[in-house]
Amino acid sequence: MNTTNSSTVDSSYTKPMLYAFGLQPLDLGDWTFVTPTLLVLICLLGLTGNLCVISIFLHNSRKAKPSLIHSLILNLSISDLLLLMFSVPFRAAAYSRSTLTVSWFVCRTADWFTHACMSVKSFTIAIVARSCFIYARNPSKQVTISQLTICAVLMSTWVVASVLPLPECFFTDAKPNSSSVICHISIPSHAQEMMAIFVKLYPLFVYFIPFTYALFYFWRAYGQCQRRGTKTQNLRNQMRSRQLTIMLLSVTVTFCIMWLPDWISWLWFWHQPLNGPSPPQAFMISAQVLMLSLSCINPFIFLIMSEEFREGFKDIWKHFTSKKPLVTKNKDENDTKDQETLTPEVLPHSLSSPDPVLDHPISNGSMEQSCSQQKLGSQDSKENPVLPDVEQFWHEREADPSDQNNDPVPWEHEEKDANT
């Protein structure tokens, strides 16, 4: 989030200098290569994953209106995408060199933008937990929420998340230093009391309360999923709600654990005793990398734990890798011609009737027998080809076994009749 140096700001509020815009190090050795490399890798993986998730939502939105849970997951992906586009590259640049010249606007809004996006994700997860509990309580019930209400909820998360970290934006200043600019937080004397309250309440509102709220409702939702229904449809809906609950709970726990070191460094810095030890630079750098790596982890959790996302990813992959429609059509026609040559009598009948099960009811025994005969015929056709006339004869004989006019061995039946 931020790092420290040996200089101080005001004497009445003695703290080491708090750098904004990430760390602008002077002597960090190998960190100047390792940290930017990790951030670039996080940026590439996160952009790919979140673009896939957003594409899946846009693809599925053509089929049906998005639900509240899907819209909230989309909001998570959008906030991750914004972090990866406008925060991670600048952080990587700040870590890669000891001197970096940035504008006054970027200097003031860099940390504010990062904290706003992270707060949006925190509030969104809390709302997702509540929605997941409502869905798990009665999975078979269709809850209809208007698109206007969903947009109002999403906009509220962004407004609240943008207002809370404003003190950092107000007190961040650009300090010229030889050929570069140092972005640091400078607290004036008249705002020290307000800042002392802010550094205590801010992590409480954006981390501890939302995640406590989310874990409570996920625990209740998981308890609802453990109850078994009496009907098959209810069991199927409960299985879907259980999978959804476990997936969202995994996202929440991962987010909570990987964001925790950054808040430890935050509380350590702002609440350290006078002349006490400051957080180590290596710890604060690792905390920032873990926080930013959250933007590339959520898409992989969605794709691994959600069958719906996997199917949507397959559909999008087929859409981009498929051939021209004309080629696909010719291929289908060739497959149809091949099937007609293999089964010249059965296939036209199936094409003439769109639903043969409804038009011609067949018993289970005859269906299994015909399927087994087709399997045996397909296996033996390569070794022992059957002539069409002989095959037609045996089909007619099996269709009407009582017909003895075309019996190839009539003497066997005559001997049986004589004995009886």
Protein backbone atom coordinates (compact mmCIF):
# COMPACT_ATOMS: atom_id res chain seq x y z
CA MET A 1 0.00 0.00 0.00
CA ASN A 2 2.55 2.54 1.15
CA THR A 3 6.09 2.48 2.52
CA THR A 4 8.18 4.48 4.90
CA ASN A 5 11.37 6.47 5.03
CA SER A 6 13.45 8.00 7.85
CA SER A 7 12.18 11.56 7.49
CA THR A 8 9.18 12.93 9.40
CA VAL A 9 6.25 15.19 8.74
CA ASP A 10 4.92 17.30 11.62
CA SER A 11 6.41 17.22 15.10
CA SER A 12 3.05 16.88 16.87
CA TYR A 13 2.17 13.86 14.76
CA THR A 14 5.56 12.23 14.46
CA LYS A 15 5.47 9.53 11.85
CA PRO A 16 7.89 8.41 9.18
CA MET A 17 7.15 9.73 5.72
CA LEU A 18 4.42 7.74 4.06
CA TYR A 19 4.96 7.37 0.35
CA ALA A 20 1.99 7.39 -1.97
CA PHE A 21 1.93 5.83 -5.43
CA GLY A 22 3.59 2.69 -4.12
CA LEU A 23 7.23 2.57 -3.19
CA GLN A 24 9.84 4.75 -4.82
CA PRO A 25 12.91 2.95 -3.43
CA LEU A 26 16.48 4.10 -3.30
CA ASP A 27 18.41 0.97 -2.28
CA LEU A 28 16.43 -2.25 -2.60
CA GLY A 29 18.77 -4.39 -4.64
CA ASP A 30 17.01 -7.38 -6.22
CA TRP A 31 13.55 -6.03 -5.35
CA THR A 32 13.82 -3.61 -8.25
CA PHE A 33 13.74 -6.59 -10.63
CA VAL A 34 11.63 -9.20 -8.81
CA THR A 35 8.72 -6.96 -7.84
CA PRO A 36 8.11 -5.37 -11.28
CA THR A 37 8.37 -8.80 -12.91
CA LEU A 38 5.73 -10.21 -10.58
CA LEU A 39 3.47 -7.23 -11.15
CA VAL A 40 3.75 -7.54 -14.93
CA LEU A 41 2.91 -11.24 -14.71
CA ILE A 42 -0.09 -10.46 -12.48
CA CYS A 43 -1.22 -7.82 -14.97
CA LEU A 44 -1.09 -10.17 -17.96
CA LEU A 45 -2.83 -13.08 -16.21
CA GLY A 46 -5.45 -10.83 -14.65
CA LEU A 47 -6.32 -9.05 -17.88
CA THR A 48 -6.77 -12.36 -19.69
CA GLY A 49 -8.89 -13.93 -16.94
CA ASN A 50 -11.14 -10.95 -16.27
CA LEU A 51 -11.73 -10.32 -19.96
CA CYS A 52 -12.83 -13.96 -20.27
CA VAL A 53 -15.24 -13.58 -17.34
CA ILE A 54 -16.70 -10.36 -18.72
CA SER A 55 -17.05 -11.93 -22.18
CA ILE A 56 -18.91 -14.89 -20.66
CA PHE A 57 -21.36 -12.56 -18.93
CA LEU A 58 -21.95 -10.55 -22.08
CA HIS A 59 -22.43 -13.78 -24.04
CA ASN A 60 -24.92 -15.16 -21.50
CA SER A 61 -26.79 -11.87 -21.24
CA ARG A 62 -28.06 -12.40 -24.79
CA LYS A 63 -29.89 -15.53 -23.68
CA ALA A 64 -31.40 -14.26 -20.44
CA LYS A 65 -31.40 -11.21 -18.19
CA PRO A 66 -28.49 -11.24 -15.71
CA SER A 67 -29.39 -11.93 -12.08
CA LEU A 68 -28.19 -9.90 -9.12
CA ILE A 69 -25.46 -12.41 -8.24
CA HIS A 70 -24.16 -12.46 -11.80
CA SER A 71 -24.16 -8.66 -11.92
CA LEU A 72 -22.23 -8.48 -8.65
CA ILE A 73 -19.64 -10.96 -9.93
CA LEU A 74 -19.38 -8.83 -13.06
CA ASN A 75 -18.79 -5.82 -10.80
CA LEU A 76 -15.89 -7.69 -9.16
CA SER A 77 -14.35 -8.38 -12.55
CA ILE A 78 -14.74 -4.76 -13.66
CA SER A 79 -13.01 -3.45 -10.53
CA ASP A 80 -10.20 -5.99 -11.03
CA LEU A 81 -9.86 -4.92 -14.65
CA LEU A 82 -9.60 -1.26 -13.66
CA LEU A 83 -6.91 -2.06 -11.10
CA LEU A 84 -4.92 -4.03 -13.64
CA MET A 85 -5.17 -1.31 -16.27
CA PHE A 86 -4.57 1.85 -14.22
CA SER A 87 -2.86 0.83 -10.99
CA VAL A 88 -0.62 -2.21 -11.46
CA PRO A 89 1.41 -0.85 -14.43
CA PHE A 90 2.22 2.39 -12.57
CA ARG A 91 3.17 0.44 -9.45
CA ALA A 92 5.49 -1.73 -11.50
CA ALA A 93 7.10 1.39 -12.98
CA ALA A 94 7.51 2.91 -9.51
CA TYR A 95 9.27 -0.21 -8.22
CA SER A 96 11.53 -0.58 -11.26
CA ARG A 97 13.49 2.64 -10.84
CA SER A 98 14.61 4.90 -8.04
CA THR A 99 13.47 8.08 -9.80
CA LEU A 100 10.09 8.44 -11.45
CA THR A 101 8.47 11.61 -12.70
CA VAL A 102 4.68 11.66 -12.52
CA SER A 103 2.08 14.40 -12.79
CA TRP A 104 0.40 16.04 -9.83
CA PHE A 105 -2.93 14.44 -10.69
CA VAL A 106 -1.49 10.92 -10.84
CA CYS A 107 0.40 11.51 -7.62
CA ARG A 108 -2.75 12.50 -5.74
CA THR A 109 -5.16 9.95 -7.16
CA ALA A 110 -2.99 6.81 -7.36
CA ASP A 111 -3.57 5.47 -3.84
CA TRP A 112 -7.13 6.80 -3.76
CA PHE A 113 -8.01 4.90 -6.94
CA THR A 114 -6.45 1.66 -5.68
CA HIS A 115 -8.27 1.84 -2.35
CA ALA A 116 -11.55 2.75 -4.04
CA CYS A 117 -11.42 -0.33 -6.29
CA MET A 118 -10.49 -2.59 -3.38
CA SER A 119 -13.34 -1.15 -1.30
CA VAL A 120 -15.77 -1.78 -4.17
CA LYS A 121 -14.74 -5.43 -4.15
CA SER A 122 -15.19 -5.63 -0.38
CA PHE A 123 -18.70 -4.12 -0.45
CA THR A 124 -19.65 -6.25 -3.44
CA ILE A 125 -18.65 -9.45 -1.65
CA ALA A 126 -20.82 -8.46 1.33
CA ILE A 127 -23.84 -7.94 -0.94
CA VAL A 128 -23.09 -11.20 -2.78
CA ALA A 129 -23.16 -13.09 0.53
CA ARG A 130 -26.60 -11.69 1.37
CA SER A 131 -27.92 -12.54 -2.12
CA CYS A 132 -26.45 -16.03 -1.93
CA PHE A 133 -28.25 -16.65 1.37
CA ILE A 134 -31.57 -15.52 -0.12
CA TYR A 135 -31.05 -17.88 -3.06
CA ALA A 136 -29.98 -20.83 -0.87
CA ARG A 137 -33.00 -20.40 1.40
CA ASN A 138 -35.36 -21.22 -1.47
CA PRO A 139 -33.48 -22.22 -4.66
CA SER A 140 -36.65 -23.15 -6.57
CA LYS A 141 -38.18 -19.69 -6.13
CA GLN A 142 -37.57 -17.26 -8.96
CA VAL A 143 -36.58 -13.90 -7.50
CA THR A 144 -37.07 -11.13 -10.04
CA ILE A 145 -35.11 -7.91 -9.53
CA SER A 146 -35.40 -5.06 -11.96
CA GLN A 147 -32.39 -3.87 -13.88
CA LEU A 148 -32.82 -0.41 -12.37
CA THR A 149 -32.44 -1.83 -8.86
CA ILE A 150 -29.32 -3.77 -9.84
CA CYS A 151 -27.75 -0.65 -11.36
CA ALA A 152 -28.62 1.34 -8.24
CA VAL A 153 -26.90 -1.25 -6.02
CA LEU A 154 -23.77 -1.29 -8.17
CA MET A 155 -23.58 2.50 -8.35
CA SER A 156 -23.99 2.75 -4.57
CA THR A 157 -20.96 0.53 -4.00
CA TRP A 158 -18.84 2.72 -6.27
CA VAL A 159 -20.01 5.98 -4.69
CA VAL A 160 -19.39 4.84 -1.10
CA ALA A 161 -16.07 3.24 -2.00
CA SER A 162 -14.93 6.43 -3.75
CA VAL A 163 -15.84 8.75 -0.87
CA LEU A 164 -14.24 6.82 1.99
CA PRO A 165 -10.54 7.11 0.94
CA LEU A 166 -10.80 10.82 0.03
CA PRO A 167 -8.59 11.99 2.97
CA GLU A 168 -5.64 10.22 1.36
CA CYS A 169 -6.31 12.12 -1.84
CA PHE A 170 -6.56 15.47 -0.02
CA PHE A 171 -3.34 15.06 1.96
CA THR A 172 -1.18 13.57 -0.76
CA ASP A 173 1.33 15.98 -2.16
CA ALA A 174 4.07 15.95 -4.81
CA LYS A 175 7.49 16.92 -3.52
CA PRO A 176 10.23 17.70 -6.09
CA ASN A 177 13.46 15.85 -5.48
CA SER A 178 16.33 16.67 -7.87
CA SER A 179 15.13 15.26 -11.23
CA SER A 180 12.11 13.31 -9.90
CA VAL A 181 8.93 13.82 -7.93
CA ILE A 182 8.21 12.08 -4.62
CA CYS A 183 4.56 11.44 -3.79
CA HIS A 184 3.99 11.37 -0.04
CA ILE A 185 1.19 11.98 2.45
CA SER A 186 1.71 15.21 4.38
CA ILE A 187 -0.73 15.82 7.23
CA PRO A 188 -1.14 19.44 8.35
CA SER A 189 -1.50 20.24 12.03
CA HIS A 190 -5.21 21.17 11.84
CA ALA A 191 -6.10 17.78 10.30
CA GLN A 192 -4.14 15.50 12.58
CA GLU A 193 -7.08 14.60 14.81
CA MET A 194 -9.30 13.87 11.83
CA MET A 195 -6.58 11.73 10.27
CA ALA A 196 -6.11 9.84 13.53
CA ILE A 197 -9.81 8.93 13.46
CA PHE A 198 -9.68 8.10 9.76
CA VAL A 199 -6.82 5.58 10.07
CA LYS A 200 -8.84 3.71 12.73
CA LEU A 201 -12.26 3.73 11.07
CA TYR A 202 -11.24 3.18 7.46
CA PRO A 203 -10.04 -0.45 7.84
CA LEU A 204 -13.05 -1.12 10.05
CA PHE A 205 -15.55 -0.01 7.38
CA VAL A 206 -13.88 -1.45 4.30
CA TYR A 207 -12.42 -4.69 5.68
CA PHE A 208 -13.58 -5.98 9.07
CA ILE A 209 -17.30 -5.16 8.91
CA PRO A 210 -17.90 -6.27 5.27
CA PHE A 211 -16.05 -9.55 5.66
CA THR A 212 -17.65 -10.34 9.02
CA TYR A 213 -21.04 -9.68 7.42
CA ALA A 214 -20.15 -11.82 4.39
CA LEU A 215 -18.84 -14.79 6.38
CA PHE A 216 -21.94 -14.73 8.60
CA TYR A 217 -24.33 -14.95 5.65
CA PHE A 218 -22.20 -17.53 3.84
CA TRP A 219 -22.32 -19.67 6.97
CA ARG A 220 -26.13 -19.40 7.05
CA ALA A 221 -26.34 -20.09 3.31
CA TYR A 222 -24.19 -23.21 3.66
CA GLY A 223 -26.46 -24.40 6.47
CA GLN A 224 -29.47 -23.98 4.20
CA CYS A 225 -27.73 -26.00 1.48
CA GLN A 226 -27.26 -28.96 3.85
CA ARG A 227 -31.01 -29.49 4.14
CA ARG A 228 -32.30 -32.12 1.74
CA GLY A 229 -35.48 -31.73 -0.22
CA THR A 230 -38.06 -34.38 -1.00
CA LYS A 231 -38.40 -33.82 -4.74
CA THR A 232 -35.81 -34.41 -7.41
CA GLN A 233 -36.11 -30.84 -8.69
CA ASN A 234 -35.49 -29.46 -5.22
CA LEU A 235 -32.41 -31.65 -4.82
CA ARG A 236 -31.05 -30.41 -8.13
CA ASN A 237 -31.61 -26.79 -7.13
CA GLN A 238 -29.98 -27.38 -3.76
CA MET A 239 -26.92 -28.86 -5.44
CA ARG A 240 -26.61 -25.76 -7.62
CA SER A 241 -27.00 -23.44 -4.63
CA ARG A 242 -24.38 -25.44 -2.70
CA GLN A 243 -21.88 -25.18 -5.55
CA LEU A 244 -22.56 -21.45 -5.86
CA THR A 245 -22.13 -20.95 -2.11
CA ILE A 246 -18.83 -22.84 -2.00
CA MET A 247 -17.47 -20.91 -4.99
CA LEU A 248 -18.37 -17.50 -3.57
CA LEU A 249 -17.13 -18.51 -0.12
CA SER A 250 -13.79 -19.49 -1.67
CA VAL A 251 -13.55 -16.08 -3.32
CA THR A 252 -14.33 -14.37 -0.01
CA VAL A 253 -11.84 -16.35 2.08
CA THR A 254 -9.10 -15.88 -0.51
CA PHE A 255 -9.78 -12.16 -0.67
CA CYS A 256 -9.81 -11.85 3.12
CA ILE A 257 -6.52 -13.74 3.62
CA MET A 258 -4.55 -12.06 0.85
CA TRP A 259 -5.65 -8.54 1.76
CA LEU A 260 -4.88 -9.04 5.48
CA PRO A 261 -1.07 -8.41 5.30
CA ASP A 262 -1.66 -5.01 3.71
CA TRP A 263 -3.91 -3.99 6.58
CA ILE A 264 -1.39 -5.29 9.08
CA SER A 265 1.23 -2.99 7.55
CA TRP A 266 -1.32 -0.15 7.54
CA LEU A 267 -2.16 -0.55 11.24
CA TRP A 268 1.46 -1.14 12.15
CA PHE A 269 2.56 2.09 10.51
CA TRP A 270 -0.20 4.38 11.77
CA HIS A 271 -0.29 2.96 15.31
CA GLN A 272 3.36 2.33 16.00
CA PRO A 273 4.73 3.95 19.17
CA LEU A 274 6.99 6.94 18.96
CA ASN A 275 10.50 5.95 17.94
CA GLY A 276 9.22 2.39 17.53
CA PRO A 277 10.16 -0.01 14.77
CA SER A 278 8.61 0.65 11.38
CA PRO A 279 7.26 -2.13 9.16
CA PRO A 280 10.06 -3.72 7.13
CA GLN A 281 10.15 -2.73 3.50
CA ALA A 282 10.20 -6.36 2.35
CA PHE A 283 7.00 -7.06 4.32
CA MET A 284 5.22 -4.02 2.91
CA ILE A 285 6.25 -4.84 -0.65
CA SER A 286 5.03 -8.43 -0.26
CA ALA A 287 1.74 -7.16 1.18
CA GLN A 288 1.21 -4.92 -1.84
CA VAL A 289 1.98 -7.71 -4.29
CA LEU A 290 -0.47 -10.04 -2.52
CA MET A 291 -3.16 -7.36 -2.56
CA LEU A 292 -2.75 -6.68 -6.27
CA SER A 293 -2.53 -10.39 -7.14
CA LEU A 294 -6.16 -10.75 -6.03
CA SER A 295 -7.13 -9.21 -9.36
CA CYS A 296 -5.92 -12.29 -11.25
CA ILE A 297 -7.09 -15.03 -8.85
CA ASN A 298 -10.87 -14.60 -8.94
CA PRO A 299 -11.31 -15.53 -12.64
CA PHE A 300 -9.49 -18.82 -12.11
CA ILE A 301 -11.69 -19.62 -9.10
CA PHE A 302 -14.77 -18.98 -11.22
CA LEU A 303 -13.54 -21.14 -14.10
CA ILE A 304 -12.43 -24.02 -11.84
CA MET A 305 -15.41 -24.22 -9.47
CA SER A 306 -18.32 -23.17 -11.69
CA GLU A 307 -19.64 -25.44 -14.41
CA GLU A 308 -21.61 -22.54 -15.88
CA PHE A 309 -18.44 -20.52 -16.38
CA ARG A 310 -16.67 -23.49 -17.93
CA GLU A 311 -19.49 -24.03 -20.40
CA GLY A 312 -19.54 -20.34 -21.22
CA PHE A 313 -15.77 -20.36 -21.74
CA LYS A 314 -16.10 -23.34 -24.09
CA ASP A 315 -18.82 -21.57 -26.08
CA ILE A 316 -16.71 -18.44 -26.44
CA TRP A 317 -13.66 -20.50 -27.36
CA LYS A 318 -15.64 -22.32 -30.05
CA HIS A 319 -16.99 -19.01 -31.28
CA PHE A 320 -13.51 -17.57 -31.82
CA THR A 321 -11.90 -20.76 -33.12
CA SER A 322 -14.76 -22.00 -35.32
CA LYS A 323 -14.44 -22.06 -39.11
CA LYS A 324 -16.59 -20.25 -41.60
CA PRO A 325 -20.32 -21.04 -41.54
CA LEU A 326 -20.16 -22.38 -45.09
CA VAL A 327 -17.50 -24.91 -44.19
CA THR A 328 -19.43 -25.98 -41.11
CA LYS A 329 -22.59 -26.40 -43.16
CA ASN A 330 -20.84 -28.57 -45.76
CA LYS A 331 -19.34 -30.66 -43.01
CA ASP A 332 -22.76 -31.24 -41.47
CA GLU A 333 -24.17 -32.18 -44.87
CA ASN A 334 -21.35 -34.68 -45.43
CA ASP A 335 -21.98 -36.20 -41.99
CA THR A 336 -25.69 -36.50 -42.83
CA LYS A 337 -24.91 -38.22 -46.13
CA ASP A 338 -22.58 -40.64 -44.36
CA GLN A 339 -25.28 -41.49 -41.83
CA GLU A 340 -27.79 -42.05 -44.65
CA THR A 341 -25.46 -44.52 -46.35
CA LEU A 342 -24.95 -46.41 -43.10
CA THR A 343 -28.65 -46.53 -42.15
CA PRO A 344 -30.67 -45.93 -45.32
CA GLU A 345 -34.04 -46.84 -43.81
CA VAL A 346 -33.94 -45.68 -40.20
CA LEU A 347 -32.57 -42.18 -40.71
CA PRO A 348 -35.25 -40.86 -43.13
CA HIS A 349 -37.89 -41.97 -40.67
CA SER A 350 -36.18 -40.12 -37.84
CA LEU A 351 -35.87 -37.00 -39.95
CA SER A 352 -39.53 -37.06 -40.87
CA SER A 353 -40.54 -37.18 -37.21
CA PRO A 354 -39.01 -34.46 -35.03
CA ASP A 355 -39.80 -36.26 -31.79
CA PRO A 356 -40.12 -40.03 -32.37
CA VAL A 357 -40.63 -40.78 -28.70
CA LEU A 358 -43.76 -38.63 -28.58
CA ASP A 359 -45.12 -39.70 -31.98
CA HIS A 360 -44.39 -43.45 -31.65
CA PRO A 361 -44.24 -44.69 -28.06
CA ILE A 362 -41.85 -47.64 -27.66
CA SER A 363 -41.36 -49.88 -24.69
CA ASN A 364 -38.10 -49.87 -22.78
CA GLY A 365 -37.28 -53.42 -23.79
CA SER A 366 -37.64 -52.79 -27.50
CA MET A 367 -35.67 -49.58 -27.25
CA GLU A 368 -32.80 -51.33 -25.48
CA GLN A 369 -32.94 -54.18 -27.98
CA SER A 370 -32.80 -51.84 -30.97
CA CYS A 371 -29.92 -49.90 -29.42
CA SER A 372 -27.98 -53.10 -28.78
CA GLN A 373 -28.62 -54.28 -32.31
CA GLN A 374 -27.37 -50.97 -33.71
CA LYS A 375 -24.22 -51.19 -31.60
CA LEU A 376 -23.54 -54.78 -32.66
CA GLY A 377 -24.24 -53.91 -36.27
CA SER A 378 -21.85 -50.97 -36.18
CA GLN A 379 -19.09 -53.14 -34.67
CA ASP A 380 -19.50 -56.07 -37.07
CA SER A 381 -20.11 -54.01 -40.20
CA LYS A 382 -16.42 -53.44 -40.74
CA GLU A 383 -15.47 -57.13 -40.51
CA ASN A 384 -18.63 -58.83 -41.92
CA PRO A 385 -20.50 -56.46 -44.22
CA VAL A 386 -24.22 -57.24 -44.56
CA LEU A 387 -25.99 -56.91 -47.88
CA PRO A 388 -28.93 -54.46 -47.91
CA ASP A 389 -31.39 -57.12 -49.11
CA VAL A 390 -30.49 -59.56 -46.32
CA GLU A 391 -30.57 -56.78 -43.72
CA GLN A 392 -34.02 -55.68 -44.90
CA PHE A 393 -35.25 -59.27 -44.74
CA TRP A 394 -34.19 -59.72 -41.11
CA HIS A 395 -35.65 -56.34 -40.14
CA GLU A 396 -39.03 -57.36 -41.55
CA ARG A 397 -38.80 -60.72 -39.83
CA GLU A 398 -38.03 -59.13 -36.44
CA ALA A 399 -40.76 -56.55 -36.91
CA ASP A 400 -43.39 -59.28 -37.49
CA PRO A 401 -42.22 -62.60 -36.00
CA SER A 402 -45.64 -64.22 -36.47
CA ASP A 403 -45.38 -64.03 -40.26
CA GLN A 404 -44.25 -67.47 -41.50
CA ASN A 405 -44.62 -66.95 -45.25
CA ASN A 406 -41.02 -65.90 -45.65
CA ASP A 407 -39.62 -68.42 -43.20
CA PRO A 408 -36.27 -69.71 -44.56
CA VAL A 409 -36.53 -72.93 -42.48
CA PRO A 410 -40.19 -73.98 -42.64
CA TRP A 411 -39.43 -77.68 -42.02
CA GLU A 412 -38.41 -76.93 -38.43
CA HIS A 413 -41.81 -75.50 -37.65
CA GLU A 414 -43.59 -78.38 -39.47
CA GLU A 415 -41.74 -80.95 -37.29
CA LYS A 416 -42.67 -79.00 -34.14
CA ASP A 417 -46.34 -78.88 -35.19
CA ALA A 418 -46.36 -82.59 -35.91
CA ASN A 419 -44.87 -83.45 -32.50
CA THR A 420 -47.41 -81.28 -30.74
